[in-house]
Amino acid sequence: MTAITTSVFELLKIGPGPSSSHTIGPMKAGYDFYCLMQQLPEEQQAQATGLKVHLFGSLAATGKGHGTDRAVLAGLLGHQPESCSPAILDVINPDNPDGNLLPLGRLKLLFKPADMIWDNQQHNYPYSNTIVIRLYSRDNILLEKEYYSVGGGFLQWKGWQEQQCGVPRYPYANAEQLLKQLKKHRLRLDELMLANEIAITGCSERRIIEKLDYIIKVMQQSVERGIVTEGFLPGPIGLHRKAALLYQRARAMPRTNDRMLVFLCAYAFAVAEENASGHIVVTAPTCGSAGVLPAVIQVLLKHQKLSLDAIRRALLGASAIGFIAKHNASISGAEVGCQGEIGVASSMAAALIALAYGCDERIALNGAEIALEHHLGMTCDPVKGYVQIPCIERNAMAAVKAWTAYLIAKEGLPEWHKVGLDKAIEAMLQTGRDMKAEYRETALGGLAKVC
């Protein structure tokens, strides 16, 4: 079993919603192809007559509602997820009947709506979310590349090999190995994660702290935007934003435990609604589940008055949960259903709460397991292909489940806990493999079928 070498900032990425696998990954693919086109010799650029994008799997099934066509086009225009503002995305129109002009060296290439091809949902490519982009000179292919959006905004391609990086100081591949390393070296989880991040990326401790603080800031900003924005979400459903209403109701409530839970739900709604609007969020671990961690972080900072340092260390520790889930199963709704997105987010959040309060790692991992266990089998069934119903409410429910899982783990006896996190992740993978394709982000089953 190979050790995990993922950076925290590969898992926690900043970019536009509504779906990391359907917007961030495809935008990266479009941008990569844009760069390849600019590197072609001028004589080959001059021969180009057209470009076609083929979308397969879940991208073909729900990509329109998820904004995949807009994201790919933004990438082909030279934009990247972390620096592409919502204002730019709002004006990009892949359905423009006159087409869009793509930069190609000193030339421009006309890209028409018919050049975005919603191809087969069932196919033989190695990953569900596959994108094939081809640059043509009449009937001849000048340039071609096959991309795979594998969840959480991670992008691979045909012939992809994992990027060479530093060797983790304390290697682990699953939760069991992680606990052994912590015990052997007498480390806190955040200490181990920080040492590994330094070894893997070569970044200084100061730089890593700065980047973590910025991630937390962006999470808070998405909460703060969402709790003051009213109106309807984009798309044909006509769904009201609810975060602002929930927030105002919470403020008017007496100081009870119910009040804190309503605040928690309001914050999760806020980020999920920002994501559904195509605005900037942090993948935690995906866009579709981006509201869970910011919601618990906002409560811990604003209502429980925990320090930024405590949150920073807890976020480092929670990232390990996301790493282990991605490394041993998947965080893609198209691969394993919503259990891989909202379930893993809830699992990470339960661990974050425990670590922020100073609980030991066994409590944190037990809380993570409890949260994930009670999302097993959850389908990904977005109504009309939009990341709205049931996705937004699921963020709030997952935040509440995370808090409950933390309480069960904290108040229980660790030696009585029978199912480890590794077993829950193994069950998630097997359940995802057994799940019918209709329930894996195709909008053909579950709520998407009956609504």
Protein backbone atom coordinates (compact mmCIF):
# COMPACT_ATOMS: atom_id res chain seq x y z
CA MET A 1 0.00 0.00 0.00
CA THR A 2 1.59 3.26 -1.15
CA ALA A 3 1.89 6.18 1.24
CA ILE A 4 -0.27 9.28 0.84
CA THR A 5 1.63 12.15 -0.76
CA THR A 6 -1.24 14.58 -1.39
CA SER A 7 -0.80 18.18 -0.29
CA VAL A 8 -3.40 19.76 1.97
CA PHE A 9 -3.80 22.45 -0.68
CA GLU A 10 -4.58 19.92 -3.38
CA LEU A 11 -7.50 18.71 -1.26
CA LEU A 12 -8.63 22.16 -0.06
CA LYS A 13 -8.76 24.09 -3.33
CA ILE A 14 -10.31 27.48 -4.05
CA GLY A 15 -12.50 27.71 -7.15
CA PRO A 16 -15.97 28.27 -8.59
CA GLY A 17 -18.94 26.00 -7.95
CA PRO A 18 -21.22 24.27 -8.35
CA SER A 19 -19.25 21.01 -8.64
CA SER A 20 -15.55 20.37 -8.26
CA SER A 21 -15.67 17.37 -10.60
CA HIS A 22 -17.90 19.18 -13.09
CA THR A 23 -16.45 22.71 -13.00
CA ILE A 24 -13.00 22.87 -11.40
CA GLY A 25 -11.67 19.67 -13.01
CA PRO A 26 -13.08 20.49 -16.48
CA MET A 27 -11.81 24.09 -16.26
CA LYS A 28 -8.35 22.71 -15.52
CA ALA A 29 -8.68 20.43 -18.56
CA GLY A 30 -9.71 23.34 -20.76
CA TYR A 31 -6.82 25.46 -19.47
CA ASP A 32 -4.31 22.65 -20.01
CA PHE A 33 -5.48 22.24 -23.61
CA TYR A 34 -5.33 26.02 -24.05
CA CYS A 35 -1.65 25.92 -22.99
CA LEU A 36 -0.93 23.01 -25.34
CA MET A 37 -2.48 24.91 -28.25
CA GLN A 38 -0.35 27.97 -27.54
CA GLN A 39 2.77 25.76 -27.63
CA LEU A 40 2.06 24.46 -31.15
CA PRO A 41 4.33 25.77 -33.93
CA GLU A 42 2.82 28.73 -35.79
CA GLU A 43 2.44 26.70 -38.99
CA GLN A 44 0.29 24.15 -37.16
CA GLN A 45 -1.76 26.86 -35.47
CA ALA A 46 -2.43 28.36 -38.91
CA GLN A 47 -3.81 25.00 -40.10
CA ALA A 48 -6.41 24.76 -37.30
CA THR A 49 -10.02 24.89 -38.48
CA GLY A 50 -12.00 23.75 -35.44
CA LEU A 51 -12.07 22.32 -31.94
CA LYS A 52 -14.44 19.81 -30.36
CA VAL A 53 -15.01 18.85 -26.73
CA HIS A 54 -16.54 15.44 -25.93
CA LEU A 55 -18.06 14.99 -22.45
CA PHE A 56 -18.68 11.47 -21.16
CA GLY A 57 -20.30 9.79 -18.17
CA SER A 58 -21.79 12.01 -15.49
CA LEU A 59 -20.41 15.05 -17.31
CA ALA A 60 -22.66 14.19 -20.25
CA ALA A 61 -25.62 13.44 -17.98
CA THR A 62 -25.59 16.46 -15.66
CA GLY A 63 -22.89 18.71 -17.07
CA LYS A 64 -25.33 21.29 -18.41
CA GLY A 65 -26.90 21.89 -15.02
CA HIS A 66 -23.50 21.79 -13.35
CA GLY A 67 -22.00 24.37 -15.73
CA THR A 68 -19.43 22.01 -17.23
CA ASP A 69 -19.67 23.55 -20.71
CA ARG A 70 -19.09 27.02 -19.27
CA ALA A 71 -16.15 25.77 -17.17
CA VAL A 72 -14.41 24.02 -20.08
CA LEU A 73 -14.91 27.09 -22.27
CA ALA A 74 -13.48 29.33 -19.54
CA GLY A 75 -10.39 27.12 -19.45
CA LEU A 76 -10.05 27.19 -23.24
CA LEU A 77 -10.19 30.99 -23.00
CA GLY A 78 -7.17 30.90 -20.67
CA HIS A 79 -8.78 31.09 -17.22
CA GLN A 80 -7.85 28.97 -14.17
CA PRO A 81 -10.19 28.00 -11.30
CA GLU A 82 -8.26 29.71 -8.50
CA SER A 83 -8.09 33.06 -10.31
CA CYS A 84 -11.27 33.08 -12.42
CA SER A 85 -13.77 35.47 -10.86
CA PRO A 86 -17.53 34.78 -10.87
CA ALA A 87 -17.95 37.95 -12.93
CA ILE A 88 -16.04 36.32 -15.79
CA LEU A 89 -17.98 33.08 -15.52
CA ASP A 90 -21.29 34.94 -15.46
CA VAL A 91 -20.66 36.42 -18.93
CA ILE A 92 -19.30 33.31 -20.63
CA ASN A 93 -22.07 31.86 -22.80
CA PRO A 94 -21.33 28.46 -24.39
CA ASP A 95 -24.77 28.60 -26.06
CA ASN A 96 -24.01 31.82 -27.94
CA PRO A 97 -25.36 31.06 -31.45
CA ASP A 98 -22.55 33.14 -32.94
CA GLY A 99 -19.99 31.03 -31.12
CA ASN A 100 -16.99 32.07 -29.03
CA LEU A 101 -13.54 33.02 -30.29
CA LEU A 102 -10.73 31.06 -28.65
CA PRO A 103 -7.18 32.45 -28.59
CA LEU A 104 -4.73 30.37 -30.63
CA GLY A 105 -1.36 32.08 -30.79
CA ARG A 106 -1.87 35.18 -32.91
CA LEU A 107 -5.09 33.74 -34.32
CA LYS A 108 -8.66 33.20 -33.15
CA LEU A 109 -10.57 29.95 -33.45
CA LEU A 110 -14.37 29.90 -33.62
CA PHE A 111 -15.95 27.49 -31.11
CA LYS A 112 -19.65 26.89 -31.79
CA PRO A 113 -22.30 25.45 -29.41
CA ALA A 114 -22.41 22.25 -31.51
CA ASP A 115 -18.69 21.74 -30.81
CA MET A 116 -19.53 20.89 -27.18
CA ILE A 117 -20.66 17.28 -27.58
CA TRP A 118 -22.67 15.60 -24.79
CA ASP A 119 -21.45 12.11 -25.53
CA ASN A 120 -22.18 8.68 -24.06
CA GLN A 121 -23.01 8.27 -20.38
CA GLN A 122 -21.86 4.64 -20.53
CA HIS A 123 -18.38 4.21 -21.97
CA ASN A 124 -15.12 2.27 -21.65
CA TYR A 125 -12.85 5.04 -20.39
CA PRO A 126 -11.21 4.32 -17.01
CA TYR A 127 -13.12 7.06 -15.14
CA SER A 128 -16.77 8.10 -15.35
CA ASN A 129 -16.06 11.82 -15.81
CA THR A 130 -14.01 11.80 -19.02
CA ILE A 131 -13.31 14.73 -21.34
CA VAL A 132 -11.74 14.36 -24.78
CA ILE A 133 -10.64 17.57 -26.53
CA ARG A 134 -9.50 17.57 -30.15
CA LEU A 135 -8.09 20.35 -32.33
CA TYR A 136 -8.73 19.75 -36.04
CA SER A 137 -7.33 20.77 -39.36
CA ARG A 138 -10.41 19.92 -41.40
CA ASP A 139 -10.75 16.14 -40.89
CA ASN A 140 -7.27 15.63 -39.45
CA ILE A 141 -6.53 15.81 -35.74
CA LEU A 142 -3.77 18.28 -34.92
CA LEU A 143 -3.89 17.84 -31.16
CA GLU A 144 -5.83 15.51 -28.85
CA LYS A 145 -5.89 14.81 -25.12
CA GLU A 146 -8.03 12.58 -22.89
CA TYR A 147 -8.77 13.95 -19.39
CA TYR A 148 -10.37 12.42 -16.30
CA SER A 149 -12.05 14.54 -13.62
CA VAL A 150 -11.73 12.15 -10.68
CA GLY A 151 -13.47 14.14 -7.94
CA GLY A 152 -12.66 17.05 -5.67
CA GLY A 153 -11.27 19.06 -8.58
CA PHE A 154 -8.44 16.56 -9.10
CA LEU A 155 -7.56 16.06 -12.78
CA GLN A 156 -5.76 13.16 -14.45
CA TRP A 157 -5.23 12.29 -18.10
CA LYS A 158 -4.27 9.39 -20.36
CA GLY A 159 -0.71 8.49 -19.48
CA TRP A 160 -0.91 10.44 -16.21
CA GLN A 161 1.62 9.60 -13.54
CA GLU A 162 1.59 10.93 -10.02
CA GLN A 163 3.75 14.02 -9.77
CA GLN A 164 7.08 13.51 -8.10
CA CYS A 165 7.15 15.23 -4.76
CA GLY A 166 8.92 15.01 -1.46
CA VAL A 167 8.72 11.90 0.69
CA PRO A 168 6.41 12.32 3.71
CA ARG A 169 8.33 12.36 6.95
CA TYR A 170 5.77 10.12 8.64
CA PRO A 171 4.27 7.97 5.86
CA TYR A 172 0.82 6.40 6.20
CA ALA A 173 -1.77 5.02 3.81
CA ASN A 174 -4.75 4.48 6.10
CA ALA A 175 -6.05 5.34 9.55
CA GLU A 176 -4.44 2.34 11.22
CA GLN A 177 -0.99 3.30 9.94
CA LEU A 178 -1.63 6.93 10.89
CA LEU A 179 -2.36 6.01 14.50
CA LYS A 180 0.78 3.86 14.65
CA GLN A 181 2.90 6.79 13.47
CA LEU A 182 1.33 9.11 16.04
CA LYS A 183 1.95 6.63 18.84
CA LYS A 184 5.48 5.75 17.74
CA HIS A 185 6.66 9.36 17.46
CA ARG A 186 4.44 10.77 20.23
CA LEU A 187 2.96 13.41 17.95
CA ARG A 188 -0.32 15.27 17.72
CA LEU A 189 -2.10 14.79 14.40
CA ASP A 190 -1.57 18.40 13.34
CA GLU A 191 2.17 18.09 14.09
CA LEU A 192 2.44 15.01 11.87
CA MET A 193 0.43 16.65 9.09
CA LEU A 194 2.52 19.82 9.21
CA ALA A 195 5.79 17.86 9.07
CA ASN A 196 4.50 15.84 6.11
CA GLU A 197 3.28 18.96 4.29
CA ILE A 198 6.72 20.55 4.66
CA ALA A 199 8.43 17.37 3.41
CA ILE A 200 6.03 16.83 0.48
CA THR A 201 5.83 20.41 -0.82
CA GLY A 202 9.07 22.00 0.37
CA CYS A 203 7.05 24.94 1.76
CA SER A 204 8.11 26.56 5.00
CA GLU A 205 5.99 26.23 8.14
CA ARG A 206 5.23 29.94 7.96
CA ARG A 207 4.03 29.67 4.35
CA ILE A 208 1.80 26.68 5.16
CA ILE A 209 0.22 28.57 8.06
CA GLU A 210 -0.40 31.57 5.79
CA LYS A 211 -2.08 29.34 3.20
CA LEU A 212 -4.22 27.62 5.84
CA ASP A 213 -5.32 30.97 7.21
CA TYR A 214 -6.27 32.07 3.70
CA ILE A 215 -8.31 28.88 3.18
CA ILE A 216 -10.16 29.57 6.44
CA LYS A 217 -10.69 33.20 5.39
CA VAL A 218 -12.21 32.15 2.04
CA MET A 219 -14.48 29.68 3.85
CA GLN A 220 -15.67 32.45 6.18
CA GLN A 221 -16.19 34.83 3.28
CA SER A 222 -18.43 32.31 1.54
CA VAL A 223 -20.46 31.98 4.75
CA GLU A 224 -20.72 35.75 5.16
CA ARG A 225 -21.81 36.29 1.55
CA GLY A 226 -24.39 33.56 1.76
CA ILE A 227 -26.11 34.70 4.96
CA VAL A 228 -26.90 38.15 3.52
CA THR A 229 -27.90 37.13 -0.03
CA GLU A 230 -31.55 36.56 -0.85
CA GLY A 231 -33.52 35.68 -3.97
CA PHE A 232 -33.57 32.66 -6.24
CA LEU A 233 -30.80 30.35 -7.30
CA PRO A 234 -30.00 30.11 -11.03
CA GLY A 235 -31.63 27.43 -13.14
CA PRO A 236 -35.10 26.04 -13.87
CA ILE A 237 -35.96 24.80 -10.36
CA GLY A 238 -36.78 28.25 -8.99
CA LEU A 239 -35.30 27.45 -5.58
CA HIS A 240 -35.32 30.18 -2.93
CA ARG A 241 -32.13 30.90 -1.05
CA LYS A 242 -32.79 30.02 2.61
CA ALA A 243 -29.54 30.86 4.42
CA ALA A 244 -30.41 34.50 5.09
CA LEU A 245 -33.82 33.55 6.49
CA LEU A 246 -32.35 30.83 8.73
CA TYR A 247 -29.66 33.23 9.95
CA GLN A 248 -32.17 35.93 10.83
CA ARG A 249 -34.41 33.40 12.58
CA ALA A 250 -31.43 32.10 14.58
CA ARG A 251 -30.50 35.61 15.69
CA ALA A 252 -34.04 36.14 16.99
CA MET A 253 -34.14 32.89 18.97
CA PRO A 254 -33.44 32.59 22.71
CA ARG A 255 -29.96 31.30 23.59
CA THR A 256 -30.61 27.57 23.50
CA ASN A 257 -28.98 24.56 21.89
CA ASP A 258 -31.59 24.81 19.13
CA ARG A 259 -30.29 28.30 18.32
CA MET A 260 -26.76 27.02 17.77
CA LEU A 261 -28.05 24.27 15.47
CA VAL A 262 -30.02 26.76 13.40
CA PHE A 263 -26.90 28.90 13.07
CA LEU A 264 -24.97 25.78 12.01
CA CYS A 265 -27.57 24.98 9.34
CA ALA A 266 -27.68 28.61 8.16
CA TYR A 267 -23.92 28.63 7.64
CA ALA A 268 -23.99 25.33 5.72
CA PHE A 269 -26.87 26.60 3.56
CA ALA A 270 -24.95 29.84 2.95
CA VAL A 271 -21.90 28.17 1.42
CA ALA A 272 -23.91 25.54 -0.45
CA GLU A 273 -26.06 28.30 -1.99
CA GLU A 274 -22.97 30.27 -2.96
CA ASN A 275 -21.64 27.12 -4.57
CA ALA A 276 -24.92 26.54 -6.42
CA SER A 277 -24.61 30.08 -7.78
CA GLY A 278 -21.19 29.30 -9.26
CA HIS A 279 -19.37 31.51 -6.78
CA ILE A 280 -16.02 30.91 -5.10
CA VAL A 281 -15.86 28.19 -2.43
CA VAL A 282 -13.26 25.82 -1.00
CA THR A 283 -13.45 22.15 -1.99
CA ALA A 284 -13.83 20.42 1.37
CA PRO A 285 -13.40 17.87 -0.03
CA THR A 286 -15.62 18.80 -3.03
CA CYS A 287 -17.69 21.76 -4.17
CA GLY A 288 -20.94 19.86 -3.66
CA SER A 289 -20.01 19.32 -0.01
CA ALA A 290 -18.27 22.67 0.47
CA GLY A 291 -20.68 23.94 3.15
CA VAL A 292 -20.00 21.40 5.90
CA LEU A 293 -16.52 22.35 7.16
CA PRO A 294 -17.08 26.14 6.87
CA ALA A 295 -20.31 25.78 8.87
CA VAL A 296 -18.65 24.03 11.81
CA ILE A 297 -15.63 26.36 11.61
CA GLN A 298 -17.90 29.42 11.74
CA VAL A 299 -19.70 28.08 14.81
CA LEU A 300 -16.43 27.22 16.55
CA LEU A 301 -14.93 30.64 15.84
CA LYS A 302 -17.95 32.92 16.23
CA HIS A 303 -20.09 31.13 18.81
CA GLN A 304 -17.72 28.86 20.72
CA LYS A 305 -14.94 31.49 20.62
CA LEU A 306 -12.16 29.05 19.81
CA SER A 307 -8.88 30.50 18.59
CA LEU A 308 -7.78 30.67 14.96
CA ASP A 309 -4.76 28.56 15.95
CA ALA A 310 -7.05 25.80 17.27
CA ILE A 311 -9.06 25.83 14.03
CA ARG A 312 -5.92 25.85 11.90
CA ARG A 313 -4.50 22.81 13.68
CA ALA A 314 -7.86 21.02 13.53
CA LEU A 315 -8.17 21.69 9.80
CA LEU A 316 -4.75 20.14 9.23
CA GLY A 317 -5.88 17.06 11.13
CA ALA A 318 -9.22 16.86 9.34
CA SER A 319 -7.40 16.88 6.00
CA ALA A 320 -5.94 13.49 6.89
CA ILE A 321 -9.49 12.05 6.87
CA GLY A 322 -10.06 13.40 3.36
CA PHE A 323 -6.71 12.00 2.22
CA ILE A 324 -7.45 8.52 3.54
CA ALA A 325 -10.92 8.47 1.94
CA LYS A 326 -9.62 9.63 -1.43
CA HIS A 327 -6.59 7.31 -1.33
CA ASN A 328 -8.56 4.18 -0.42
CA ALA A 329 -11.95 4.85 -2.04
CA SER A 330 -13.17 8.05 -3.74
CA ILE A 331 -14.55 11.51 -3.05
CA SER A 332 -16.40 11.65 -6.38
CA GLY A 333 -20.19 11.44 -6.57
CA ALA A 334 -19.83 10.00 -10.06
CA GLU A 335 -17.71 7.15 -8.68
CA VAL A 336 -19.32 6.24 -5.34
CA GLY A 337 -22.40 8.45 -4.95
CA CYS A 338 -22.92 11.26 -2.46
CA GLN A 339 -21.46 9.18 0.38
CA GLY A 340 -18.05 10.05 -1.11
CA GLU A 341 -18.78 13.77 -1.08
CA ILE A 342 -21.12 14.73 1.74
CA GLY A 343 -20.24 11.63 3.77
CA VAL A 344 -16.52 12.37 3.68
CA ALA A 345 -17.16 16.06 4.40
CA SER A 346 -19.17 15.11 7.49
CA SER A 347 -16.42 12.70 8.52
CA MET A 348 -13.78 15.41 8.17
CA ALA A 349 -15.95 17.86 10.10
CA ALA A 350 -16.49 15.46 13.01
CA ALA A 351 -12.74 15.02 13.32
CA LEU A 352 -12.21 18.78 13.05
CA ILE A 353 -14.61 19.52 15.92
CA ALA A 354 -12.94 16.93 18.16
CA LEU A 355 -9.44 18.18 17.37
CA ALA A 356 -10.43 21.83 17.80
CA TYR A 357 -11.68 21.03 21.31
CA GLY A 358 -8.43 19.24 22.12
CA CYS A 359 -9.68 15.64 22.06
CA ASP A 360 -7.13 12.95 21.30
CA GLU A 361 -6.80 11.38 17.89
CA ARG A 362 -8.74 8.21 18.76
CA ILE A 363 -11.80 10.34 19.56
CA ALA A 364 -11.34 12.30 16.34
CA LEU A 365 -11.03 9.17 14.20
CA ASN A 366 -13.98 7.51 15.96
CA GLY A 367 -16.09 10.60 15.32
CA ALA A 368 -14.99 10.56 11.68
CA GLU A 369 -16.00 6.90 11.36
CA ILE A 370 -19.40 7.46 12.97
CA ALA A 371 -20.19 10.34 10.64
CA LEU A 372 -19.15 8.40 7.54
CA GLU A 373 -20.93 5.22 8.62
CA HIS A 374 -24.25 7.02 8.73
CA HIS A 375 -23.89 8.34 5.20
CA LEU A 376 -23.11 4.93 3.66
CA GLY A 377 -25.28 4.17 0.66
CA MET A 378 -26.21 7.81 0.03
CA THR A 379 -26.94 8.34 -3.65
CA CYS A 380 -26.01 11.33 -5.77
CA ASP A 381 -29.30 12.32 -7.41
CA PRO A 382 -29.31 16.05 -8.25
CA VAL A 383 -32.75 17.18 -9.42
CA LYS A 384 -32.61 18.41 -13.04
CA GLY A 385 -28.82 18.04 -12.84
CA TYR A 386 -28.38 21.12 -10.62
CA VAL A 387 -26.41 21.11 -7.36
CA GLN A 388 -29.44 22.37 -5.41
CA ILE A 389 -31.93 19.64 -4.44
CA PRO A 390 -31.03 17.65 -2.36
CA CYS A 391 -27.44 18.90 -2.26
CA ILE A 392 -27.89 22.13 -0.29
CA GLU A 393 -29.92 20.64 2.56
CA ARG A 394 -27.52 17.69 2.66
CA ASN A 395 -24.73 20.10 3.60
CA ALA A 396 -26.72 21.26 6.62
CA MET A 397 -27.68 17.72 7.62
CA ALA A 398 -24.07 16.57 7.28
CA ALA A 399 -22.89 19.40 9.55
CA VAL A 400 -25.45 18.38 12.19
CA LYS A 401 -24.45 14.71 11.83
CA ALA A 402 -20.79 15.70 12.23
CA TRP A 403 -21.54 17.46 15.50
CA THR A 404 -23.57 14.48 16.71
CA ALA A 405 -20.83 12.05 15.72
CA TYR A 406 -18.29 14.11 17.66
CA LEU A 407 -20.51 14.02 20.77
CA ILE A 408 -21.06 10.26 20.53
CA ALA A 409 -17.32 9.68 20.14
CA LYS A 410 -16.36 12.08 22.93
CA GLU A 411 -18.84 10.77 25.49
CA GLY A 412 -18.29 7.12 24.64
CA LEU A 413 -15.44 4.83 25.61
CA PRO A 414 -12.88 4.45 22.80
CA GLU A 415 -12.25 0.78 23.64
CA TRP A 416 -15.94 0.05 23.01
CA HIS A 417 -15.76 1.40 19.46
CA LYS A 418 -15.88 -1.61 17.12
CA VAL A 419 -15.76 -0.27 13.55
CA GLY A 420 -12.63 1.60 12.51
CA LEU A 421 -12.49 4.38 9.93
CA ASP A 422 -10.66 2.13 7.47
CA LYS A 423 -13.54 -0.37 7.52
CA ALA A 424 -16.10 2.38 6.93
CA ILE A 425 -14.10 3.65 3.95
CA GLU A 426 -13.80 0.10 2.61
CA ALA A 427 -17.57 -0.27 2.92
CA MET A 428 -18.07 3.06 1.14
CA LEU A 429 -15.96 1.88 -1.80
CA GLN A 430 -17.76 -1.45 -2.07
CA THR A 431 -21.18 0.21 -1.75
CA GLY A 432 -20.24 2.69 -4.46
CA ARG A 433 -19.18 -0.12 -6.79
CA ASP A 434 -22.46 -1.93 -6.17
CA MET A 435 -24.55 1.20 -6.68
CA LYS A 436 -26.44 1.42 -9.96
CA ALA A 437 -25.12 4.04 -12.36
CA GLU A 438 -28.43 5.94 -12.11
CA TYR A 439 -27.54 6.84 -8.52
CA ARG A 440 -24.08 8.18 -9.25
CA GLU A 441 -24.58 11.79 -10.36
CA THR A 442 -26.49 11.04 -13.55
CA ALA A 443 -29.79 12.70 -12.49
CA LEU A 444 -31.56 9.51 -13.61
CA GLY A 445 -32.46 8.01 -10.23
CA GLY A 446 -33.72 8.84 -6.76
CA LEU A 447 -35.10 12.34 -6.26
CA ALA A 448 -33.90 13.34 -9.71
CA LYS A 449 -36.23 10.75 -11.23
CA VAL A 450 -39.36 11.54 -9.23
CA CYS A 451 -39.09 15.35 -9.07
